[in-house]
């Protein structure tokens, strides 16, 4: 028959393949339970969205963002991000 070293190598590689298959299956099941597919971003279901943005020149811009049904005006620049204020409901 074959050498004991070769049999041990084949057995080890087989065990490693089974372990990877189980890990892949668990990861797939967890993603299905969370409701995100492989091609979707994990943050796609967050209740925060950018409604509009306007460049002010350079790396400065104004952004209207919505979170939990409220809209906010945010200033974005090279120095950082600043909340300018909450916008009144337009409804």
N, C-alpha and C. Protein backbone atom coordinates (compact mmCIF):
# COMPACT_ATOMS: atom_id res chain seq x y z
N UNK A 1 0.82 -1.18 0.00
CA UNK A 1 0.00 0.00 0.00
C UNK A 1 0.87 1.25 0.00
N UNK A 2 0.30 2.39 0.40
CA UNK A 2 1.05 3.64 0.40
C UNK A 2 1.81 3.83 1.68
N UNK A 3 2.60 4.85 1.72
CA UNK A 3 3.38 5.13 2.91
C UNK A 3 2.48 5.75 3.99
N UNK A 4 2.81 5.56 5.27
CA UNK A 4 2.01 6.13 6.36
C UNK A 4 2.00 7.67 6.34
N UNK A 5 3.08 8.27 5.87
CA UNK A 5 3.15 9.73 5.81
C UNK A 5 2.17 10.31 4.81
N UNK A 6 2.03 9.64 3.66
CA UNK A 6 1.10 10.10 2.63
C UNK A 6 -0.34 9.93 3.11
N UNK A 7 -0.64 8.84 3.77
CA UNK A 7 -1.98 8.62 4.30
C UNK A 7 -2.34 9.67 5.35
N UNK A 8 -1.37 10.02 6.17
CA UNK A 8 -1.60 11.05 7.19
C UNK A 8 -1.84 12.42 6.55
N UNK A 9 -1.11 12.74 5.48
CA UNK A 9 -1.28 14.00 4.78
C UNK A 9 -2.66 14.08 4.15
N UNK A 10 -3.08 13.02 3.48
CA UNK A 10 -4.40 13.00 2.84
C UNK A 10 -5.50 13.12 3.89
N UNK A 11 -5.35 12.44 5.01
CA UNK A 11 -6.33 12.51 6.09
C UNK A 11 -6.40 13.93 6.66
N UNK A 12 -5.27 14.57 6.84
CA UNK A 12 -5.24 15.94 7.37
C UNK A 12 -5.88 16.92 6.40
N UNK A 13 -5.58 16.80 5.11
CA UNK A 13 -6.18 17.68 4.11
C UNK A 13 -7.69 17.47 4.03
N UNK A 14 -8.14 16.22 4.15
CA UNK A 14 -9.58 15.95 4.15
C UNK A 14 -10.26 16.58 5.35
N UNK A 15 -9.65 16.47 6.50
CA UNK A 15 -10.21 17.09 7.71
C UNK A 15 -10.26 18.61 7.59
N UNK A 16 -9.23 19.19 7.03
CA UNK A 16 -9.19 20.64 6.82
C UNK A 16 -10.30 21.07 5.87
N UNK A 17 -10.54 20.31 4.81
CA UNK A 17 -11.61 20.62 3.86
C UNK A 17 -12.97 20.56 4.53
N UNK A 18 -13.18 19.59 5.40
CA UNK A 18 -14.45 19.48 6.12
C UNK A 18 -14.64 20.67 7.06
N UNK A 19 -13.59 21.07 7.74
CA UNK A 19 -13.67 22.23 8.65
C UNK A 19 -14.02 23.49 7.87
N UNK A 20 -13.38 23.73 6.73
CA UNK A 20 -13.70 24.90 5.92
C UNK A 20 -15.13 24.85 5.40
N UNK A 21 -15.61 23.70 5.02
CA UNK A 21 -16.99 23.56 4.55
C UNK A 21 -17.98 23.89 5.65
N UNK A 22 -17.70 23.44 6.86
CA UNK A 22 -18.58 23.74 7.99
C UNK A 22 -18.57 25.23 8.30
N UNK A 23 -17.39 25.86 8.30
CA UNK A 23 -17.31 27.30 8.55
C UNK A 23 -18.06 28.09 7.48
N UNK A 24 -17.92 27.71 6.22
CA UNK A 24 -18.63 28.38 5.14
C UNK A 24 -20.14 28.22 5.33
N UNK A 25 -20.58 27.04 5.71
CA UNK A 25 -22.01 26.81 5.94
C UNK A 25 -22.56 27.64 7.08
N UNK A 26 -21.81 27.75 8.16
CA UNK A 26 -22.24 28.57 9.30
C UNK A 26 -22.30 30.04 8.90
N UNK A 27 -21.30 30.54 8.18
CA UNK A 27 -21.31 31.93 7.74
C UNK A 27 -22.49 32.20 6.82
N UNK A 28 -22.77 31.28 5.92
CA UNK A 28 -23.91 31.42 5.01
C UNK A 28 -25.22 31.46 5.79
N UNK A 29 -25.38 30.57 6.76
CA UNK A 29 -26.60 30.52 7.56
C UNK A 29 -26.78 31.80 8.38
N UNK A 30 -25.70 32.31 8.95
CA UNK A 30 -25.81 33.55 9.72
C UNK A 30 -26.21 34.73 8.84
N UNK A 31 -25.66 34.80 7.64
CA UNK A 31 -26.04 35.89 6.72
C UNK A 31 -27.51 35.77 6.33
N UNK A 32 -27.98 34.57 6.11
CA UNK A 32 -29.40 34.37 5.76
C UNK A 32 -30.30 34.78 6.92
N UNK A 33 -29.90 34.47 8.14
CA UNK A 33 -30.70 34.84 9.30
C UNK A 33 -30.72 36.34 9.52
N UNK A 34 -29.62 37.02 9.21
CA UNK A 34 -29.56 38.48 9.34
C UNK A 34 -30.29 39.17 8.21
N UNK A 35 -30.51 38.49 7.11
CA UNK A 35 -31.25 39.08 6.00
C UNK A 35 -30.39 39.82 4.99
N UNK A 36 -29.09 39.65 5.04
CA UNK A 36 -28.23 40.30 4.04
C UNK A 36 -27.60 39.23 3.17
N UNK A 37 -27.65 39.45 1.88
CA UNK A 37 -27.02 38.51 0.95
C UNK A 37 -25.55 38.80 0.79
N UNK A 38 -24.88 37.96 0.02
CA UNK A 38 -23.43 38.13 -0.18
C UNK A 38 -23.11 39.43 -0.90
N UNK A 39 -23.98 39.88 -1.81
CA UNK A 39 -23.69 41.08 -2.60
C UNK A 39 -24.18 42.36 -1.97
N UNK A 40 -24.85 42.30 -0.83
CA UNK A 40 -25.38 43.49 -0.20
C UNK A 40 -24.44 43.99 0.87
N UNK A 41 -24.48 45.30 1.08
CA UNK A 41 -23.70 45.87 2.17
C UNK A 41 -24.42 45.62 3.48
N UNK A 42 -23.68 45.41 4.53
CA UNK A 42 -24.28 45.14 5.83
C UNK A 42 -25.03 46.36 6.35
N UNK A 43 -24.59 47.57 6.01
CA UNK A 43 -25.23 48.78 6.49
C UNK A 43 -26.41 49.22 5.66
N UNK A 44 -26.80 48.46 4.66
CA UNK A 44 -27.88 48.88 3.78
C UNK A 44 -29.22 48.96 4.50
N UNK A 45 -29.39 48.28 5.60
CA UNK A 45 -30.67 48.29 6.30
C UNK A 45 -30.72 49.34 7.41
N UNK A 46 -29.68 50.12 7.60
CA UNK A 46 -29.68 51.13 8.64
C UNK A 46 -30.66 52.24 8.29
N UNK A 47 -31.35 52.81 9.29
CA UNK A 47 -32.34 53.84 9.02
C UNK A 47 -31.74 55.23 8.85
N UNK A 48 -30.55 55.32 8.29
CA UNK A 48 -29.90 56.61 8.02
C UNK A 48 -29.69 56.72 6.53
N UNK A 49 -30.09 57.86 5.95
CA UNK A 49 -29.91 58.04 4.52
C UNK A 49 -29.54 59.48 4.21
N UNK A 50 -28.81 59.65 3.11
CA UNK A 50 -28.45 60.98 2.62
C UNK A 50 -29.53 61.40 1.64
N UNK A 51 -30.22 62.48 1.95
CA UNK A 51 -31.30 62.98 1.10
C UNK A 51 -30.76 63.81 -0.05
N UNK A 52 -29.81 64.70 0.25
CA UNK A 52 -29.23 65.56 -0.78
C UNK A 52 -27.85 66.03 -0.31
N UNK A 53 -27.03 66.39 -1.28
CA UNK A 53 -25.73 66.97 -0.95
C UNK A 53 -25.39 68.04 -1.99
N UNK A 54 -24.64 69.05 -1.55
CA UNK A 54 -24.27 70.15 -2.44
C UNK A 54 -22.84 70.53 -2.17
N UNK A 55 -22.03 70.52 -3.20
CA UNK A 55 -20.64 70.92 -3.07
C UNK A 55 -20.55 72.42 -2.92
N UNK A 56 -19.69 72.88 -2.04
CA UNK A 56 -19.46 74.31 -1.84
C UNK A 56 -18.11 74.74 -2.38
N UNK A 57 -17.44 73.84 -3.08
CA UNK A 57 -16.13 74.13 -3.61
C UNK A 57 -15.05 73.51 -2.75
N UNK A 58 -13.99 73.14 -3.39
CA UNK A 58 -12.92 72.46 -2.65
C UNK A 58 -13.43 71.15 -2.11
N UNK A 59 -13.15 70.90 -0.85
CA UNK A 59 -13.62 69.68 -0.20
C UNK A 59 -14.72 69.99 0.81
N UNK A 60 -15.46 71.08 0.59
CA UNK A 60 -16.53 71.48 1.49
C UNK A 60 -17.88 71.16 0.86
N UNK A 61 -18.80 70.67 1.67
CA UNK A 61 -20.13 70.40 1.16
C UNK A 61 -21.16 70.44 2.27
N UNK A 62 -22.41 70.65 1.87
CA UNK A 62 -23.55 70.57 2.77
C UNK A 62 -24.30 69.29 2.46
N UNK A 63 -24.78 68.62 3.49
CA UNK A 63 -25.49 67.35 3.32
C UNK A 63 -26.77 67.41 4.14
N UNK A 64 -27.87 66.98 3.54
CA UNK A 64 -29.11 66.77 4.28
C UNK A 64 -29.24 65.27 4.49
N UNK A 65 -29.25 64.86 5.76
CA UNK A 65 -29.35 63.45 6.11
C UNK A 65 -30.62 63.22 6.91
N UNK A 66 -31.18 62.03 6.76
CA UNK A 66 -32.38 61.68 7.51
C UNK A 66 -32.10 60.48 8.40
N UNK A 67 -32.50 60.60 9.66
CA UNK A 67 -32.35 59.51 10.62
C UNK A 67 -33.57 59.50 11.54
N UNK A 68 -34.19 58.34 11.66
CA UNK A 68 -35.36 58.16 12.51
C UNK A 68 -36.45 59.18 12.20
N UNK A 69 -36.65 59.47 10.93
CA UNK A 69 -37.72 60.37 10.51
C UNK A 69 -37.40 61.85 10.65
N UNK A 70 -36.22 62.21 11.10
CA UNK A 70 -35.85 63.61 11.25
C UNK A 70 -34.73 63.94 10.25
N UNK A 71 -34.76 65.17 9.76
CA UNK A 71 -33.73 65.60 8.80
C UNK A 71 -32.76 66.57 9.46
N UNK A 72 -31.49 66.42 9.08
CA UNK A 72 -30.43 67.25 9.66
C UNK A 72 -29.59 67.86 8.55
N UNK A 73 -29.15 69.11 8.77
CA UNK A 73 -28.21 69.77 7.86
C UNK A 73 -26.83 69.60 8.46
N UNK A 74 -25.92 69.04 7.67
CA UNK A 74 -24.58 68.72 8.15
C UNK A 74 -23.55 69.37 7.23
N UNK A 75 -22.53 69.96 7.81
CA UNK A 75 -21.42 70.52 7.05
C UNK A 75 -20.25 69.56 7.06
N UNK A 76 -19.69 69.32 5.87
CA UNK A 76 -18.56 68.41 5.74
C UNK A 76 -17.40 69.17 5.12
N UNK A 77 -16.23 69.12 5.76
CA UNK A 77 -15.05 69.79 5.23
C UNK A 77 -13.83 68.93 5.52
N UNK A 78 -12.70 69.40 5.07
CA UNK A 78 -11.45 68.69 5.32
C UNK A 78 -11.16 68.62 6.82
N UNK A 79 -11.60 69.63 7.56
CA UNK A 79 -11.36 69.69 8.99
C UNK A 79 -12.26 68.75 9.79
N UNK A 80 -13.38 68.32 9.20
CA UNK A 80 -14.27 67.42 9.93
C UNK A 80 -15.72 67.58 9.50
N UNK A 81 -16.60 67.06 10.34
CA UNK A 81 -18.04 67.09 10.09
C UNK A 81 -18.69 67.83 11.24
N UNK A 82 -19.64 68.73 10.91
CA UNK A 82 -20.33 69.50 11.95
C UNK A 82 -21.82 69.49 11.67
N UNK A 83 -22.59 69.28 12.73
CA UNK A 83 -24.04 69.36 12.63
C UNK A 83 -24.42 70.84 12.67
N UNK A 84 -25.09 71.30 11.63
CA UNK A 84 -25.50 72.70 11.57
C UNK A 84 -26.85 72.86 12.28
N UNK A 85 -27.72 71.90 12.11
CA UNK A 85 -29.01 71.97 12.79
C UNK A 85 -30.00 70.98 12.26
N UNK A 86 -31.12 70.86 12.97
CA UNK A 86 -32.20 70.00 12.53
C UNK A 86 -33.15 70.80 11.66
N UNK A 87 -33.59 70.23 10.58
CA UNK A 87 -34.50 70.90 9.68
C UNK A 87 -35.94 70.62 10.08
N UNK A 88 -36.81 71.63 9.92
CA UNK A 88 -38.23 71.44 10.21
C UNK A 88 -38.84 70.47 9.23
N UNK A 89 -39.86 69.78 9.66
CA UNK A 89 -40.57 68.84 8.79
C UNK A 89 -41.27 69.64 7.69
N UNK A 90 -41.18 69.14 6.47
CA UNK A 90 -41.80 69.81 5.34
C UNK A 90 -43.18 69.26 5.04
N UNK A 91 -43.66 68.36 5.87
CA UNK A 91 -44.97 67.75 5.63
C UNK A 91 -46.07 68.59 6.21
